[in-house]
N, C-alpha and C. Protein backbone atom coordinates (compact mmCIF):
# COMPACT_ATOMS: atom_id res chain seq x y z
N MET A 1 120.23 22.64 74.85
CA MET A 1 120.40 21.16 75.83
C MET A 1 119.35 20.55 75.57
N SER A 2 119.38 18.88 75.74
CA SER A 2 118.37 18.29 75.18
C SER A 2 117.67 17.93 76.69
N LEU A 3 116.49 17.74 76.35
CA LEU A 3 115.52 17.33 77.57
C LEU A 3 116.14 16.36 78.48
N TRP A 4 117.05 14.98 77.92
CA TRP A 4 117.73 14.19 78.87
C TRP A 4 118.43 15.16 79.60
N VAL A 5 118.99 15.78 79.39
CA VAL A 5 120.63 16.33 79.86
C VAL A 5 119.77 17.33 81.06
N ARG A 6 118.77 18.08 80.96
CA ARG A 6 117.83 18.99 81.56
C ARG A 6 117.62 17.98 82.77
N ARG A 7 116.92 16.86 82.46
CA ARG A 7 116.14 16.28 83.50
C ARG A 7 116.84 15.71 84.27
N LYS A 8 118.38 14.98 83.85
CA LYS A 8 119.85 14.45 84.54
C LYS A 8 120.10 15.62 85.73
N MET A 9 119.86 16.96 85.42
CA MET A 9 120.30 17.85 86.05
C MET A 9 119.24 18.37 87.10
N ALA A 10 117.89 18.63 86.80
CA ALA A 10 117.13 18.47 87.50
C ALA A 10 117.26 17.46 88.31
N MET A 11 117.24 16.30 88.31
CA MET A 11 117.41 15.52 89.30
C MET A 11 118.45 15.46 90.23
N GLN A 12 120.01 15.98 89.98
CA GLN A 12 120.98 16.33 90.83
C GLN A 12 120.71 16.94 91.69
N PHE A 13 119.69 18.26 91.00
CA PHE A 13 119.81 19.32 92.15
C PHE A 13 118.74 18.63 92.96
N LEU A 14 117.35 18.18 92.70
CA LEU A 14 116.64 17.68 93.57
C LEU A 14 117.33 16.38 94.50
N TYR A 15 118.21 15.44 94.19
CA TYR A 15 119.00 15.02 95.29
C TYR A 15 119.87 15.63 96.37
N ALA A 16 120.16 16.52 96.02
CA ALA A 16 120.64 17.37 96.36
C ALA A 16 119.65 18.34 97.84
N MET A 17 118.92 18.58 97.09
CA MET A 17 117.99 19.28 98.25
C MET A 17 116.71 18.31 99.37
N ASN A 18 117.17 16.94 98.65
CA ASN A 18 116.26 15.59 99.28
C ASN A 18 117.12 15.25 100.53
N PHE A 19 118.71 15.17 100.07
CA PHE A 19 119.97 15.45 101.03
C PHE A 19 119.65 16.40 102.20
N LEU A 20 120.00 17.22 101.94
CA LEU A 20 119.47 18.37 102.87
C LEU A 20 117.74 18.63 103.41
N HIS A 21 117.33 18.13 103.33
CA HIS A 21 115.84 18.29 103.91
C HIS A 21 115.65 16.77 104.66
N LYS A 22 116.66 15.73 104.49
CA LYS A 22 116.50 14.65 105.07
C LYS A 22 117.04 14.86 106.60
N HIS A 23 118.11 15.45 106.38
CA HIS A 23 119.07 15.96 107.53
C HIS A 23 118.40 17.03 108.11
N ASP A 24 117.42 17.47 108.42
CA ASP A 24 116.89 18.76 108.82
C ASP A 24 117.39 19.96 108.50
N VAL A 25 117.56 20.25 107.20
CA VAL A 25 118.29 21.83 106.94
C VAL A 25 117.55 22.18 105.86
N CYS A 26 117.36 23.25 106.36
CA CYS A 26 115.97 24.26 105.41
C CYS A 26 117.27 25.29 104.75
N HIS A 27 117.12 24.89 103.31
CA HIS A 27 118.49 26.31 102.56
C HIS A 27 117.99 27.70 102.46
N ARG A 28 116.67 28.00 103.08
CA ARG A 28 116.05 28.97 102.77
C ARG A 28 116.33 30.12 102.25
N ASP A 29 116.99 30.16 101.04
CA ASP A 29 117.86 31.55 100.37
C ASP A 29 118.06 30.70 98.68
N LEU A 30 117.04 29.96 98.26
CA LEU A 30 117.10 28.87 97.07
C LEU A 30 116.99 30.12 95.80
N SER A 31 117.71 30.25 94.98
CA SER A 31 117.96 31.28 93.86
C SER A 31 118.08 30.46 92.70
N TYR A 32 117.94 31.72 91.33
CA TYR A 32 118.55 30.86 90.22
C TYR A 32 119.73 30.55 90.24
N GLY A 33 120.61 31.57 90.87
CA GLY A 33 121.88 32.33 91.08
C GLY A 33 122.81 31.09 92.19
N ASN A 34 121.90 30.54 92.87
CA ASN A 34 122.60 29.38 94.15
C ASN A 34 122.53 27.85 93.43
N VAL A 35 122.09 27.75 92.18
CA VAL A 35 122.25 25.95 91.73
C VAL A 35 123.52 26.42 90.53
N LEU A 36 124.70 25.80 91.15
CA LEU A 36 125.59 26.14 90.24
C LEU A 36 125.75 24.74 89.17
N ILE A 37 126.03 24.75 87.77
CA ILE A 37 126.40 23.78 87.46
C ILE A 37 127.86 23.91 86.62
N HIS A 38 128.43 23.02 86.79
CA HIS A 38 130.02 22.50 86.61
C HIS A 38 130.27 21.44 85.63
N THR A 39 131.11 21.77 84.41
CA THR A 39 130.73 21.29 83.14
C THR A 39 132.19 20.35 83.10
N TYR A 40 132.74 19.88 82.74
CA TYR A 40 133.40 18.92 82.90
C TYR A 40 134.23 18.46 81.35
N ASP A 41 135.37 18.57 80.74
CA ASP A 41 135.97 18.63 79.72
C ASP A 41 135.31 17.33 78.55
N ASP A 42 134.85 16.49 79.53
CA ASP A 42 133.99 15.18 78.64
C ASP A 42 132.63 15.41 78.77
N GLY A 43 132.23 16.38 79.19
CA GLY A 43 131.12 17.02 78.99
C GLY A 43 130.05 16.52 80.16
N ALA A 44 130.58 15.98 80.73
CA ALA A 44 130.33 15.63 82.17
C ALA A 44 129.74 16.70 82.66
N PHE A 45 129.01 16.49 83.59
CA PHE A 45 128.63 17.73 84.66
C PHE A 45 128.11 17.38 86.15
N ALA A 46 127.94 18.79 87.19
CA ALA A 46 127.70 18.35 88.22
C ALA A 46 127.01 19.39 88.82
N VAL A 47 125.66 19.28 89.38
CA VAL A 47 125.18 20.21 89.83
C VAL A 47 125.04 20.44 91.27
N LYS A 48 125.29 21.74 91.50
CA LYS A 48 125.56 22.32 93.03
C LYS A 48 124.77 23.30 93.63
N VAL A 49 124.55 22.64 94.88
CA VAL A 49 123.53 24.09 95.55
C VAL A 49 124.45 24.68 96.39
N SER A 50 124.20 26.21 96.17
CA SER A 50 125.49 26.76 96.57
C SER A 50 124.71 27.69 97.59
N ASP A 51 125.23 28.76 98.67
CA ASP A 51 125.34 29.72 99.33
C ASP A 51 124.60 29.14 100.41
N PHE A 52 124.96 28.94 101.55
CA PHE A 52 124.43 28.33 102.63
C PHE A 52 123.92 29.45 104.13
N GLY A 53 124.43 30.35 103.73
CA GLY A 53 124.37 31.62 104.76
C GLY A 53 122.69 31.83 105.28
N LEU A 54 122.21 31.34 104.55
CA LEU A 54 120.84 31.35 105.69
C LEU A 54 120.66 29.91 105.73
N ALA A 55 120.84 28.83 105.62
CA ALA A 55 120.52 27.39 106.27
C ALA A 55 120.62 27.78 107.85
N LYS A 56 119.42 26.61 108.21
CA LYS A 56 119.27 26.55 109.01
C LYS A 56 118.76 25.07 109.77
N GLU A 57 119.52 24.47 110.46
CA GLU A 57 118.65 23.03 111.10
C GLU A 57 117.35 23.16 111.64
N ARG A 58 116.44 22.71 110.93
CA ARG A 58 115.16 23.01 111.65
C ARG A 58 114.62 23.06 112.22
N ASN A 59 115.20 22.48 113.48
CA ASN A 59 114.93 22.35 114.63
C ASN A 59 115.85 23.70 115.48
N SER A 60 116.24 24.34 114.93
CA SER A 60 117.55 25.55 115.68
C SER A 60 116.45 26.47 115.99
N ASP A 61 116.69 27.11 117.06
CA ASP A 61 116.21 28.81 117.06
C ASP A 61 116.72 29.69 117.00
N LEU A 62 118.03 29.37 116.37
CA LEU A 62 119.04 30.67 116.41
C LEU A 62 118.81 31.45 114.80
N THR A 63 117.38 31.70 114.82
CA THR A 63 117.27 32.68 113.58
C THR A 63 116.82 33.96 113.95
N SER A 64 117.71 34.87 113.55
CA SER A 64 117.28 36.58 114.03
C SER A 64 116.34 37.11 113.08
N THR A 65 115.44 37.90 113.91
CA THR A 65 114.09 38.27 113.27
C THR A 65 114.08 39.12 112.00
N GLY A 66 115.76 39.41 112.33
CA GLY A 66 115.95 40.75 111.12
C GLY A 66 116.55 39.70 109.73
N SER A 67 116.86 38.77 109.86
CA SER A 67 117.32 37.88 108.70
C SER A 67 115.71 38.02 107.51
N SER A 68 116.55 37.92 106.61
CA SER A 68 116.14 38.37 105.33
C SER A 68 116.44 37.60 103.72
N MET A 69 115.94 37.29 103.49
CA MET A 69 116.43 36.64 102.10
C MET A 69 116.71 37.33 100.93
N LYS A 70 117.59 37.53 100.39
CA LYS A 70 117.73 38.62 99.54
C LYS A 70 117.95 38.21 97.89
N GLY A 71 117.18 38.07 96.48
CA GLY A 71 117.66 37.89 95.63
C GLY A 71 117.03 36.47 95.41
N SER A 72 116.15 35.64 96.76
CA SER A 72 115.75 34.12 96.79
C SER A 72 114.34 34.35 96.15
N ILE A 73 113.59 33.06 95.51
CA ILE A 73 112.39 33.20 95.11
C ILE A 73 111.58 32.79 96.67
N GLU A 74 110.87 33.63 96.89
CA GLU A 74 110.67 34.17 97.95
C GLU A 74 109.04 33.57 98.34
N ASP A 75 108.99 32.71 98.98
CA ASP A 75 107.37 31.76 99.31
C ASP A 75 106.53 32.83 99.78
N PRO A 76 105.23 33.20 99.01
CA PRO A 76 104.31 33.95 99.44
C PRO A 76 103.46 33.59 100.73
N ALA A 77 103.71 32.47 101.07
CA ALA A 77 102.70 31.76 102.28
C ALA A 77 103.46 31.94 103.20
N LEU A 78 104.96 32.42 103.49
CA LEU A 78 105.40 32.20 104.66
C LEU A 78 105.26 33.57 105.33
N LYS A 79 104.78 33.46 106.22
CA LYS A 79 104.33 34.49 107.45
C LYS A 79 105.78 35.24 107.91
N SER A 80 106.30 34.60 108.79
CA SER A 80 107.58 34.69 109.31
C SER A 80 108.85 33.79 109.03
N PHE A 81 110.04 34.47 108.66
CA PHE A 81 110.97 34.16 108.30
C PHE A 81 111.41 32.86 109.04
N LYS A 82 111.52 33.00 110.68
CA LYS A 82 111.45 32.14 111.70
C LYS A 82 110.79 30.72 111.42
N ASP A 83 109.94 30.74 110.52
CA ASP A 83 108.66 29.71 110.80
C ASP A 83 109.04 28.85 109.22
N PHE A 84 110.35 28.97 108.69
CA PHE A 84 110.69 28.64 107.60
C PHE A 84 110.56 27.01 107.90
N LYS A 85 110.04 26.12 106.68
CA LYS A 85 109.88 24.65 106.64
C LYS A 85 110.40 24.36 105.56
N PRO A 86 110.46 23.00 105.19
CA PRO A 86 110.87 22.41 103.85
C PRO A 86 109.59 22.90 103.27
N VAL A 87 108.72 22.90 103.32
CA VAL A 87 107.78 23.05 101.98
C VAL A 87 108.05 24.63 101.32
N ASN A 88 108.51 25.20 102.16
CA ASN A 88 108.98 26.69 101.93
C ASN A 88 110.07 26.49 100.88
N ASP A 89 110.76 25.91 100.87
CA ASP A 89 112.13 25.75 99.83
C ASP A 89 111.47 24.79 98.72
N ILE A 90 110.62 24.13 98.90
CA ILE A 90 109.76 23.30 97.85
C ILE A 90 109.44 24.54 96.57
N TYR A 91 108.57 25.51 97.32
CA TYR A 91 108.27 26.64 96.36
C TYR A 91 109.52 26.91 95.51
N SER A 92 110.31 27.57 96.03
CA SER A 92 111.45 28.00 95.31
C SER A 92 112.10 26.67 94.19
N ILE A 93 111.88 25.28 94.62
CA ILE A 93 112.18 24.24 93.81
C ILE A 93 111.32 24.12 92.50
N GLY A 94 110.10 24.09 92.57
CA GLY A 94 109.59 24.68 91.50
C GLY A 94 109.95 25.32 90.53
N PHE A 95 110.30 26.76 91.14
CA PHE A 95 110.51 27.98 90.09
C PHE A 95 112.02 27.32 89.59
N ILE A 96 112.96 26.65 90.44
CA ILE A 96 114.20 26.15 89.83
C ILE A 96 113.90 25.20 88.67
N LEU A 97 113.09 24.15 88.82
CA LEU A 97 112.83 23.09 87.79
C LEU A 97 112.78 24.01 86.89
N ASN A 98 111.70 24.61 86.82
CA ASN A 98 111.04 25.03 85.72
C ASN A 98 112.38 25.97 84.82
N TYR A 99 113.19 26.43 85.15
CA TYR A 99 114.10 27.11 84.82
C TYR A 99 115.02 26.22 84.08
N ILE A 100 115.44 25.15 84.59
CA ILE A 100 116.23 24.13 84.53
C ILE A 100 115.77 23.90 83.05
N PHE A 101 114.17 23.21 82.67
CA PHE A 101 113.47 22.57 81.50
C PHE A 101 112.82 24.03 80.53
N THR A 102 112.81 24.63 81.19
CA THR A 102 112.78 25.88 79.90
C THR A 102 113.52 27.02 79.61
N GLY A 103 113.98 27.62 80.50
CA GLY A 103 115.18 28.39 80.46
C GLY A 103 114.60 29.82 80.97
N ARG A 104 113.17 29.52 81.07
CA ARG A 104 112.40 30.99 81.61
C ARG A 104 111.76 30.84 82.99
N ARG A 105 111.47 32.17 83.78
CA ARG A 105 111.24 32.10 84.75
C ARG A 105 109.70 32.43 85.29
N ASP A 106 109.07 32.20 83.85
CA ASP A 106 107.53 32.14 83.75
C ASP A 106 107.32 30.74 83.92
N LEU A 107 106.17 30.21 85.22
CA LEU A 107 105.71 28.89 85.29
C LEU A 107 105.14 28.24 84.10
N LEU A 108 105.49 27.12 83.98
CA LEU A 108 105.38 26.21 82.68
C LEU A 108 104.00 25.65 82.86
N ALA A 109 102.90 25.59 82.37
CA ALA A 109 101.44 25.19 82.68
C ALA A 109 100.75 24.77 81.52
N ASP A 110 101.68 24.33 80.81
CA ASP A 110 101.08 23.55 79.63
C ASP A 110 100.27 22.15 79.50
N GLY A 111 99.79 21.75 80.76
CA GLY A 111 99.19 20.48 81.17
C GLY A 111 100.23 19.14 80.86
N SER A 112 101.28 19.03 80.81
CA SER A 112 101.93 18.37 80.72
C SER A 112 102.65 17.62 82.44
N ARG A 113 103.19 16.43 82.63
CA ARG A 113 103.24 15.98 83.15
C ARG A 113 104.27 16.78 84.11
N LEU A 114 105.62 17.34 83.48
CA LEU A 114 106.43 18.33 84.08
C LEU A 114 105.89 19.26 84.51
N GLY A 115 104.63 20.00 83.79
CA GLY A 115 104.11 21.13 84.17
C GLY A 115 103.24 21.40 85.11
N PHE A 116 102.77 19.82 85.65
CA PHE A 116 102.02 19.37 87.03
C PHE A 116 102.82 19.64 88.20
N ILE A 117 104.12 18.81 87.79
CA ILE A 117 104.90 19.12 88.90
C ILE A 117 105.51 20.66 89.34
N ILE A 118 106.05 20.64 88.29
CA ILE A 118 106.16 22.36 88.53
C ILE A 118 105.08 23.67 89.14
N GLN A 119 104.29 23.03 88.77
CA GLN A 119 102.62 24.11 89.19
C GLN A 119 102.78 23.25 90.71
N LYS A 120 102.26 21.98 91.46
CA LYS A 120 102.41 21.61 92.44
C LYS A 120 103.36 21.85 93.36
N CYS A 121 105.04 22.37 93.06
CA CYS A 121 105.89 22.73 93.72
C CYS A 121 105.44 24.09 94.15
N SER A 122 104.94 25.13 92.79
CA SER A 122 104.95 26.30 93.42
C SER A 122 103.66 26.82 93.52
N THR A 123 102.57 25.92 93.82
CA THR A 123 101.39 26.61 94.05
C THR A 123 101.06 27.84 95.74
N THR A 124 100.33 28.33 95.11
CA THR A 124 100.90 29.91 96.46
C THR A 124 100.19 29.30 98.09
N ASN A 125 99.53 27.77 97.63
CA ASN A 125 98.81 27.20 99.11
C ASN A 125 99.45 26.24 99.30
N SER A 126 100.98 26.77 100.77
CA SER A 126 101.81 25.43 100.94
C SER A 126 100.91 23.89 101.10
N ALA A 127 99.58 24.10 101.41
CA ALA A 127 98.98 22.60 102.11
C ALA A 127 98.91 21.78 100.51
N ASP A 128 98.77 22.61 99.59
CA ASP A 128 98.81 21.70 98.44
C ASP A 128 100.15 21.49 97.42
N ARG A 129 101.09 21.79 97.98
CA ARG A 129 102.24 21.45 97.03
C ARG A 129 102.99 20.08 97.89
N TYR A 130 103.99 19.67 97.17
CA TYR A 130 104.36 18.67 97.56
C TYR A 130 104.97 18.75 98.92
N GLN A 131 104.88 17.87 99.54
CA GLN A 131 105.59 18.06 101.61
C GLN A 131 106.74 17.81 101.45
N THR A 132 107.41 16.99 100.53
CA THR A 132 108.57 16.29 100.59
C THR A 132 109.61 16.30 99.28
N VAL A 133 111.01 16.76 99.06
CA VAL A 133 111.68 16.44 98.01
C VAL A 133 111.05 15.35 97.52
N LYS A 134 111.24 14.35 98.56
CA LYS A 134 111.31 12.66 98.13
C LYS A 134 110.01 12.67 97.10
N GLY A 135 108.76 13.14 97.06
CA GLY A 135 107.91 12.76 96.42
C GLY A 135 107.71 13.55 94.61
N ILE A 136 108.58 14.77 94.86
CA ILE A 136 109.32 15.54 93.67
C ILE A 136 109.90 14.58 92.70
N ILE A 137 110.60 13.56 93.35
CA ILE A 137 111.67 12.90 92.65
C ILE A 137 110.88 11.87 91.91
N GLU A 138 109.90 11.12 92.95
CA GLU A 138 109.27 9.82 92.46
C GLU A 138 108.15 10.34 91.28
N ASP A 139 107.70 11.45 91.35
CA ASP A 139 107.02 11.78 90.41
C ASP A 139 107.68 12.35 89.04
N MET A 140 108.87 12.63 88.85
CA MET A 140 109.96 13.13 87.92
C MET A 140 110.44 12.00 87.57
N ARG A 141 110.49 10.50 88.50
CA ARG A 141 111.05 9.65 88.12
C ARG A 141 109.62 8.63 86.99
N LYS A 142 108.45 9.54 87.21
CA LYS A 142 107.28 8.28 86.35
C LYS A 142 107.00 9.46 84.80
N THR A 143 107.85 10.21 84.66
CA THR A 143 107.83 11.15 83.59
C THR A 143 108.32 10.74 82.41
N GLU A 144 108.13 10.96 81.09
CA GLU A 144 107.93 10.26 79.78
C GLU A 144 109.39 9.70 79.76
N CYS A 145 110.49 10.57 79.93
CA CYS A 145 111.84 9.90 79.52
C CYS A 145 112.76 9.41 81.05
N PRO A 146 113.99 8.72 80.65
CA PRO A 146 114.13 8.02 82.05
C PRO A 146 115.23 8.97 82.70
N VAL A 147 114.95 9.21 83.83
CA VAL A 147 115.81 10.25 84.71
C VAL A 147 116.49 9.88 85.74
N GLY A 148 117.65 10.25 85.61
CA GLY A 148 118.57 9.91 87.14
C GLY A 148 118.51 9.24 88.30
């Protein structure tokens, strides 16, 4: 799969996550298996985010203290599941972007612009991460080849 196609996939994924966060919804259970790619007969594709069982409106208090993420990419900076914020989704977003571009789960650290974006999403210190998906989208648009 070409880099251009991978970038289009990544941008569709980022637009979906940006939509959720703009509407104050955190997914809270992002994993490699929760990002689906539907390919059409003509080669077009659609990236879909699935499994909203643990999704929560940001200002809602309806989180069970027994809730836990299973199979997701868990943010080590998250002290309590009830304190989940968009920046915690962004940690997972970095790993998923990495997988879209490399097909691997170990993080890209090659000094490239893309490597910088992935590392900034997935750093263990949440204060050093992108604070919004919009920021990731803006930096992705500045990378070498045109993106969605």
